[in-house]
Amino acid sequence: MSISARLEELGIELPTVVPPVAAYVPAVVHAGLVYTSGQLPFTDGALPGTGKVGAGVDAADAKDYARTCALNALAAAADAAGGIEKIAGVLRVGGFVASDPAFTGQPGVINGASEVLGEIFGDAGKHARAAVGVTVLPLDTPVEVEVTFILA
């Protein structure tokens, strides 16, 4: 099944590529891979929430934000690669969670990204990963995700 057909089956419409908020590009193609810049959970040009997970931001909401970040990364990768069908799978996910010092559930938050990529790519969506707690992220977003995709 093609990736476009799988997205349609899942009821997922890729978002428009989010414009950079600083001096970088959303994704770069190199040596059979597409590297995305860190993607924030922008939806329709706005962040759905701000703050720290565990102190004002619920972990379940943050998990949804990570899912949005992954879809934004896929949109950026598809744009850089010349179309969604050029993306064959996922190599690595890096997730950053702006966390209250007492919050230790970063892996569960970043599962939002990993799970949606697994739904879309199946076995080709299995990937290496990091889930890191940080003090603050750009624009006070609770979550940022970067993905390395494999080209077809």
C-alpha atoms as a PDB file:
ATOM      1  CA  MET A   1       0.000   0.000   0.000  1.00  0.00           C
ATOM      2  CA  SER A   2       1.315   3.471  -0.846  1.00  0.00           C
ATOM      3  CA  ILE A   3       1.982   5.973   1.922  1.00  0.00           C
ATOM      4  CA  SER A   4      -0.696   8.300   0.490  1.00  0.00           C
ATOM      5  CA  ALA A   5      -3.232   5.477   0.590  1.00  0.00           C
ATOM      6  CA  ARG A   6      -2.196   4.597   4.142  1.00  0.00           C
ATOM      7  CA  LEU A   7      -2.611   8.223   5.248  1.00  0.00           C
ATOM      8  CA  GLU A   8      -6.050   8.305   3.644  1.00  0.00           C
ATOM      9  CA  GLU A   9      -7.003   5.018   5.316  1.00  0.00           C
ATOM     10  CA  LEU A  10      -5.944   6.471   8.691  1.00  0.00           C
ATOM     11  CA  GLY A  11      -7.824   9.714   8.027  1.00  0.00           C
ATOM     12  CA  ILE A  12      -4.612  11.725   8.279  1.00  0.00           C
ATOM     13  CA  GLU A  13      -4.144  14.797   6.131  1.00  0.00           C
ATOM     14  CA  LEU A  14      -0.587  16.105   6.197  1.00  0.00           C
ATOM     15  CA  PRO A  15      -0.375  19.742   7.252  1.00  0.00           C
ATOM     16  CA  THR A  16       1.180  22.512   5.230  1.00  0.00           C
ATOM     17  CA  VAL A  17       4.916  22.747   5.867  1.00  0.00           C
ATOM     18  CA  VAL A  18       5.494  25.018   8.845  1.00  0.00           C
ATOM     19  CA  PRO A  19       7.724  27.971   7.925  1.00  0.00           C
ATOM     20  CA  PRO A  20      10.946  28.215   9.941  1.00  0.00           C
ATOM     21  CA  VAL A  21      10.883  30.476  13.013  1.00  0.00           C
ATOM     22  CA  ALA A  22      14.634  31.238  12.674  1.00  0.00           C
ATOM     23  CA  ALA A  23      17.586  30.797  10.260  1.00  0.00           C
ATOM     24  CA  TYR A  24      17.181  27.195   9.018  1.00  0.00           C
ATOM     25  CA  VAL A  25      15.216  25.100   6.536  1.00  0.00           C
ATOM     26  CA  PRO A  26      12.489  22.611   7.535  1.00  0.00           C
ATOM     27  CA  ALA A  27      14.278  19.584   6.027  1.00  0.00           C
ATOM     28  CA  VAL A  28      17.413  18.608   4.123  1.00  0.00           C
ATOM     29  CA  VAL A  29      17.963  15.624   1.823  1.00  0.00           C
ATOM     30  CA  HIS A  30      21.385  13.963   1.970  1.00  0.00           C
ATOM     31  CA  ALA A  31      22.764  10.519   1.113  1.00  0.00           C
ATOM     32  CA  GLY A  32      19.455   8.662   0.987  1.00  0.00           C
ATOM     33  CA  LEU A  33      18.022  10.324   4.087  1.00  0.00           C
ATOM     34  CA  VAL A  34      15.834  13.303   4.919  1.00  0.00           C
ATOM     35  CA  TYR A  35      16.754  15.141   8.110  1.00  0.00           C
ATOM     36  CA  THR A  36      14.083  17.393   9.539  1.00  0.00           C
ATOM     37  CA  SER A  37      14.704  20.373  11.721  1.00  0.00           C
ATOM     38  CA  GLY A  38      13.026  20.313  15.100  1.00  0.00           C
ATOM     39  CA  GLN A  39       9.302  20.617  14.504  1.00  0.00           C
ATOM     40  CA  LEU A  40       6.954  22.322  16.918  1.00  0.00           C
ATOM     41  CA  PRO A  41       3.281  21.340  17.233  1.00  0.00           C
ATOM     42  CA  PHE A  42       1.981  24.186  15.089  1.00  0.00           C
ATOM     43  CA  THR A  43      -1.596  23.729  13.925  1.00  0.00           C
ATOM     44  CA  ASP A  44      -3.004  26.326  11.531  1.00  0.00           C
ATOM     45  CA  GLY A  45      -0.065  28.634  12.319  1.00  0.00           C
ATOM     46  CA  ALA A  46      -0.443  28.556  16.108  1.00  0.00           C
ATOM     47  CA  LEU A  47       0.831  26.525  19.020  1.00  0.00           C
ATOM     48  CA  PRO A  48      -1.983  24.627  20.763  1.00  0.00           C
ATOM     49  CA  GLY A  49      -0.399  25.204  24.166  1.00  0.00           C
ATOM     50  CA  THR A  50       2.678  26.472  25.948  1.00  0.00           C
ATOM     51  CA  GLY A  51       4.481  25.760  29.187  1.00  0.00           C
ATOM     52  CA  LYS A  52       6.040  22.832  31.016  1.00  0.00           C
ATOM     53  CA  VAL A  53       4.777  19.264  31.034  1.00  0.00           C
ATOM     54  CA  GLY A  54       3.943  18.334  34.606  1.00  0.00           C
ATOM     55  CA  ALA A  55       3.340  21.961  35.571  1.00  0.00           C
ATOM     56  CA  GLY A  56       0.380  23.314  33.647  1.00  0.00           C
ATOM     57  CA  VAL A  57       0.608  21.048  30.586  1.00  0.00           C
ATOM     58  CA  ASP A  58      -0.926  17.598  30.887  1.00  0.00           C
ATOM     59  CA  ALA A  59       1.192  14.654  29.667  1.00  0.00           C
ATOM     60  CA  ALA A  60      -1.703  13.397  27.494  1.00  0.00           C
ATOM     61  CA  ASP A  61      -1.932  16.780  25.763  1.00  0.00           C
ATOM     62  CA  ALA A  62       1.845  16.802  25.297  1.00  0.00           C
ATOM     63  CA  LYS A  63       1.640  13.335  23.709  1.00  0.00           C
ATOM     64  CA  ASP A  64      -0.885  14.748  21.206  1.00  0.00           C
ATOM     65  CA  TYR A  65       1.496  17.651  20.545  1.00  0.00           C
ATOM     66  CA  ALA A  66       4.309  15.158  19.820  1.00  0.00           C
ATOM     67  CA  ARG A  67       2.030  13.465  17.291  1.00  0.00           C
ATOM     68  CA  THR A  68       1.436  16.817  15.601  1.00  0.00           C
ATOM     69  CA  CYS A  69       5.196  17.480  15.576  1.00  0.00           C
ATOM     70  CA  ALA A  70       5.781  14.148  13.804  1.00  0.00           C
ATOM     71  CA  LEU A  71       3.159  14.938  11.166  1.00  0.00           C
ATOM     72  CA  ASN A  72       4.746  18.366  10.653  1.00  0.00           C
ATOM     73  CA  ALA A  73       8.113  16.592  10.237  1.00  0.00           C
ATOM     74  CA  LEU A  74       6.642  14.175   7.694  1.00  0.00           C
ATOM     75  CA  ALA A  75       5.164  17.072   5.729  1.00  0.00           C
ATOM     76  CA  ALA A  76       8.554  18.844   5.703  1.00  0.00           C
ATOM     77  CA  ALA A  77      10.350  15.647   4.656  1.00  0.00           C
ATOM     78  CA  ALA A  78       7.877  14.913   1.863  1.00  0.00           C
ATOM     79  CA  ASP A  79       8.225  18.476   0.586  1.00  0.00           C
ATOM     80  CA  ALA A  80      12.041  18.290   0.587  1.00  0.00           C
ATOM     81  CA  ALA A  81      12.075  14.826  -1.011  1.00  0.00           C
ATOM     82  CA  GLY A  82       9.663  15.666  -3.813  1.00  0.00           C
ATOM     83  CA  GLY A  83       6.559  13.893  -2.533  1.00  0.00           C
ATOM     84  CA  ILE A  84       5.265  11.581   0.172  1.00  0.00           C
ATOM     85  CA  GLU A  85       5.906   8.458  -1.913  1.00  0.00           C
ATOM     86  CA  LYS A  86       9.640   9.255  -1.809  1.00  0.00           C
ATOM     87  CA  ILE A  87       9.643   8.546   1.943  1.00  0.00           C
ATOM     88  CA  ALA A  88      10.215   4.847   2.660  1.00  0.00           C
ATOM     89  CA  GLY A  89      10.554   4.754   6.432  1.00  0.00           C
ATOM     90  CA  VAL A  90      11.860   6.217   9.662  1.00  0.00           C
ATOM     91  CA  LEU A  91      15.421   5.900  10.936  1.00  0.00           C
ATOM     92  CA  ARG A  92      15.429   8.002  14.117  1.00  0.00           C
ATOM     93  CA  VAL A  93      13.211  10.258  16.208  1.00  0.00           C
ATOM     94  CA  GLY A  94      14.602  12.851  18.605  1.00  0.00           C
ATOM     95  CA  GLY A  95      12.103  14.253  21.076  1.00  0.00           C
ATOM     96  CA  PHE A  96      12.445  17.124  23.508  1.00  0.00           C
ATOM     97  CA  VAL A  97       9.968  17.764  26.303  1.00  0.00           C
ATOM     98  CA  ALA A  98       9.950  21.027  28.287  1.00  0.00           C
ATOM     99  CA  SER A  99       9.493  19.489  31.715  1.00  0.00           C
ATOM    100  CA  ASP A 100       8.827  20.401  35.283  1.00  0.00           C
ATOM    101  CA  PRO A 101      11.832  19.085  37.278  1.00  0.00           C
ATOM    102  CA  ALA A 102       9.624  16.418  38.891  1.00  0.00           C
ATOM    103  CA  PHE A 103       8.249  15.137  35.556  1.00  0.00           C
ATOM    104  CA  THR A 104       9.919  11.934  34.337  1.00  0.00           C
ATOM    105  CA  GLY A 105       7.470  10.736  31.692  1.00  0.00           C
ATOM    106  CA  GLN A 106       9.299  12.041  28.603  1.00  0.00           C
ATOM    107  CA  PRO A 107       9.262   8.640  26.840  1.00  0.00           C
ATOM    108  CA  GLY A 108       5.468   8.464  27.126  1.00  0.00           C
ATOM    109  CA  VAL A 109       5.118  11.946  25.658  1.00  0.00           C
ATOM    110  CA  ILE A 110       7.352  11.191  22.674  1.00  0.00           C
ATOM    111  CA  ASN A 111       5.372   7.996  22.080  1.00  0.00           C
ATOM    112  CA  GLY A 112       2.875  10.340  20.405  1.00  0.00           C
ATOM    113  CA  ALA A 113       5.388  10.803  17.581  1.00  0.00           C
ATOM    114  CA  SER A 114       6.599   7.200  17.495  1.00  0.00           C
ATOM    115  CA  GLU A 115       3.116   5.706  17.474  1.00  0.00           C
ATOM    116  CA  VAL A 116       1.780   7.786  14.575  1.00  0.00           C
ATOM    117  CA  LEU A 117       4.889   7.068  12.501  1.00  0.00           C
ATOM    118  CA  GLY A 118       4.419   3.363  13.243  1.00  0.00           C
ATOM    119  CA  GLU A 119       0.771   3.560  12.159  1.00  0.00           C
ATOM    120  CA  ILE A 120       1.758   5.212   8.896  1.00  0.00           C
ATOM    121  CA  PHE A 121       4.850   3.186   7.960  1.00  0.00           C
ATOM    122  CA  GLY A 122       4.259  -0.158   9.696  1.00  0.00           C
ATOM    123  CA  ASP A 123       7.524  -2.081  10.133  1.00  0.00           C
ATOM    124  CA  ALA A 124       9.374   0.617   8.179  1.00  0.00           C
ATOM    125  CA  GLY A 125       8.324   3.019  10.947  1.00  0.00           C
ATOM    126  CA  LYS A 126      10.362   1.224  13.629  1.00  0.00           C
ATOM    127  CA  HIS A 127      13.139   3.579  14.648  1.00  0.00           C
ATOM    128  CA  ALA A 128      15.854   4.494  17.119  1.00  0.00           C
ATOM    129  CA  ARG A 129      14.851   7.300  19.472  1.00  0.00           C
ATOM    130  CA  ALA A 130      15.780   9.772  22.168  1.00  0.00           C
ATOM    131  CA  ALA A 131      13.281  11.379  24.563  1.00  0.00           C
ATOM    132  CA  VAL A 132      14.932  14.199  26.484  1.00  0.00           C
ATOM    133  CA  GLY A 133      13.599  16.464  29.205  1.00  0.00           C
ATOM    134  CA  VAL A 134      14.711  20.086  28.905  1.00  0.00           C
ATOM    135  CA  THR A 135      14.152  23.307  30.818  1.00  0.00           C
ATOM    136  CA  VAL A 136      12.624  25.325  27.986  1.00  0.00           C
ATOM    137  CA  LEU A 137      11.965  25.061  24.247  1.00  0.00           C
ATOM    138  CA  PRO A 138      11.483  27.710  21.539  1.00  0.00           C
ATOM    139  CA  LEU A 139       8.355  29.841  21.907  1.00  0.00           C
ATOM    140  CA  ASP A 140       7.693  28.059  25.236  1.00  0.00           C
ATOM    141  CA  THR A 141       6.347  25.030  23.356  1.00  0.00           C
ATOM    142  CA  PRO A 142       6.027  21.904  25.506  1.00  0.00           C
ATOM    143  CA  VAL A 143       7.358  19.532  22.815  1.00  0.00           C
ATOM    144  CA  GLU A 144       9.747  19.529  19.850  1.00  0.00           C
ATOM    145  CA  VAL A 145      10.442  16.556  17.583  1.00  0.00           C
ATOM    146  CA  GLU A 146      13.021  15.958  14.852  1.00  0.00           C
ATOM    147  CA  VAL A 147      12.907  12.939  12.544  1.00  0.00           C
ATOM    148  CA  THR A 148      15.350  11.297  10.152  1.00  0.00           C
ATOM    149  CA  PHE A 149      13.469   9.583   7.319  1.00  0.00           C
ATOM    150  CA  ILE A 150      14.741   6.998   4.827  1.00  0.00           C
ATOM    151  CA  LEU A 151      14.237   7.756   1.136  1.00  0.00           C
ATOM    152  CA  ALA A 152      12.671   5.209  -1.209  1.00  0.00           C
END
